[in-house]
Protein backbone atom coordinates (compact mmCIF):
# COMPACT_ATOMS: atom_id res chain seq x y z
CA MET A 1 -0.88 22.35 3.15
CA ASN A 2 2.61 22.24 1.72
CA LYS A 3 5.43 21.34 4.35
CA THR A 4 8.92 21.62 3.59
CA ILE A 5 11.89 20.79 5.62
CA THR A 6 15.25 21.62 4.87
CA VAL A 7 18.66 20.35 6.43
CA ASN A 8 22.13 22.89 6.23
CA PRO A 9 24.96 19.84 7.05
CA GLU A 10 27.16 23.09 6.85
CA THR A 11 25.76 24.40 9.60
CA SER A 12 23.79 21.53 11.64
CA SER A 13 20.51 23.43 11.00
CA VAL A 14 16.98 22.34 10.10
CA THR A 15 14.28 25.10 8.49
CA ILE A 16 10.59 23.92 8.45
CA GLU A 17 8.29 25.84 6.29
CA GLN A 18 4.60 25.76 6.39
CA THR A 19 2.47 27.04 4.18
CA ALA A 20 -1.75 27.02 3.72
CA VAL A 21 -3.75 26.39 0.55
CA PRO A 22 -4.91 29.89 -0.90
CA GLN A 23 -8.18 30.74 0.14
CA ASN A 24 -9.36 31.06 -3.69
CA ALA A 25 -7.60 27.28 -4.22
CA PRO A 26 -10.17 25.23 -6.74
CA VAL A 27 -12.02 22.55 -5.20
CA SER A 28 -11.16 18.91 -6.80
CA LEU A 29 -13.04 15.65 -6.86
CA MET A 30 -11.28 12.62 -8.48
CA GLY A 31 -9.19 14.88 -10.59
CA ASN A 32 -11.74 16.96 -11.85
CA SER A 33 -11.75 20.70 -10.48
CA ILE A 34 -14.01 23.36 -10.25
CA GLN A 35 -13.66 26.93 -9.12
CA THR A 36 -16.54 29.79 -9.22
CA GLY A 37 -14.86 32.63 -7.38
CA TYR A 38 -17.58 32.88 -5.32
CA GLY A 39 -16.21 30.60 -2.44
CA ILE A 40 -15.32 26.73 -1.25
CA TRP A 41 -19.18 26.40 -0.42
CA VAL A 42 -20.68 27.27 -3.69
CA ASP A 43 -17.76 24.69 -5.15
CA ILE A 44 -18.95 22.30 -3.15
CA ILE A 45 -22.33 22.75 -3.56
CA CYS A 46 -21.81 22.74 -7.40
CA ILE A 47 -20.34 19.63 -7.06
CA ALA A 48 -22.83 17.65 -5.36
CA LEU A 49 -25.68 19.00 -7.70
CA LEU A 50 -23.50 17.25 -10.09
CA LEU A 51 -23.33 14.31 -8.76
CA LEU A 52 -26.84 14.61 -8.02
CA ALA A 53 -27.85 15.04 -11.37
CA MET A 54 -25.47 12.05 -12.40
CA TYR A 55 -27.20 9.80 -9.76
CA LEU A 56 -30.52 10.61 -11.24
CA PHE A 57 -30.05 10.09 -14.60
CA LYS A 58 -28.46 6.55 -14.35
CA ARG A 59 -31.62 5.69 -12.56
CA LEU A 60 -34.12 6.91 -15.31
CA ILE A 61 -31.70 5.36 -18.05
CA ASP A 62 -32.33 1.83 -15.52
CA LYS A 63 -36.02 2.47 -15.76
CA LEU A 64 -35.71 3.17 -19.01
CA PHE A 65 -33.89 -0.45 -19.72
CA ARG A 66 -35.97 -2.50 -17.19
CA LYS A 67 -37.29 -5.20 -18.49
CA LYS A 68 -41.22 -5.15 -17.81
CA LYS A 69 -42.03 -8.55 -15.51
CA VAL A 70 -44.86 -10.40 -17.05
CA LYS A 71 -47.53 -12.33 -14.79
CA PRO A 72 -48.23 -15.61 -15.28
CA SER A 73 -51.86 -15.72 -16.33
CA THR A 74 -53.57 -18.86 -14.17
CA PRO A 75 -56.71 -20.37 -15.75
């Protein structure tokens, strides 16, 4: 939402303008934006799926590089 306040000292008038975000504005997360053209919910679902894929990939990497615990042998 954009707000603009204009003060005119000559006429002692104050003008306040407020505009809403356009309906087709892209969804942004941490500086990255996405706009599919299908609606805001599709954009949000795309970002959620991207975050899920990153999380699962991180878990896979952690699993691959985790050192296996060696059970001590008891005589």
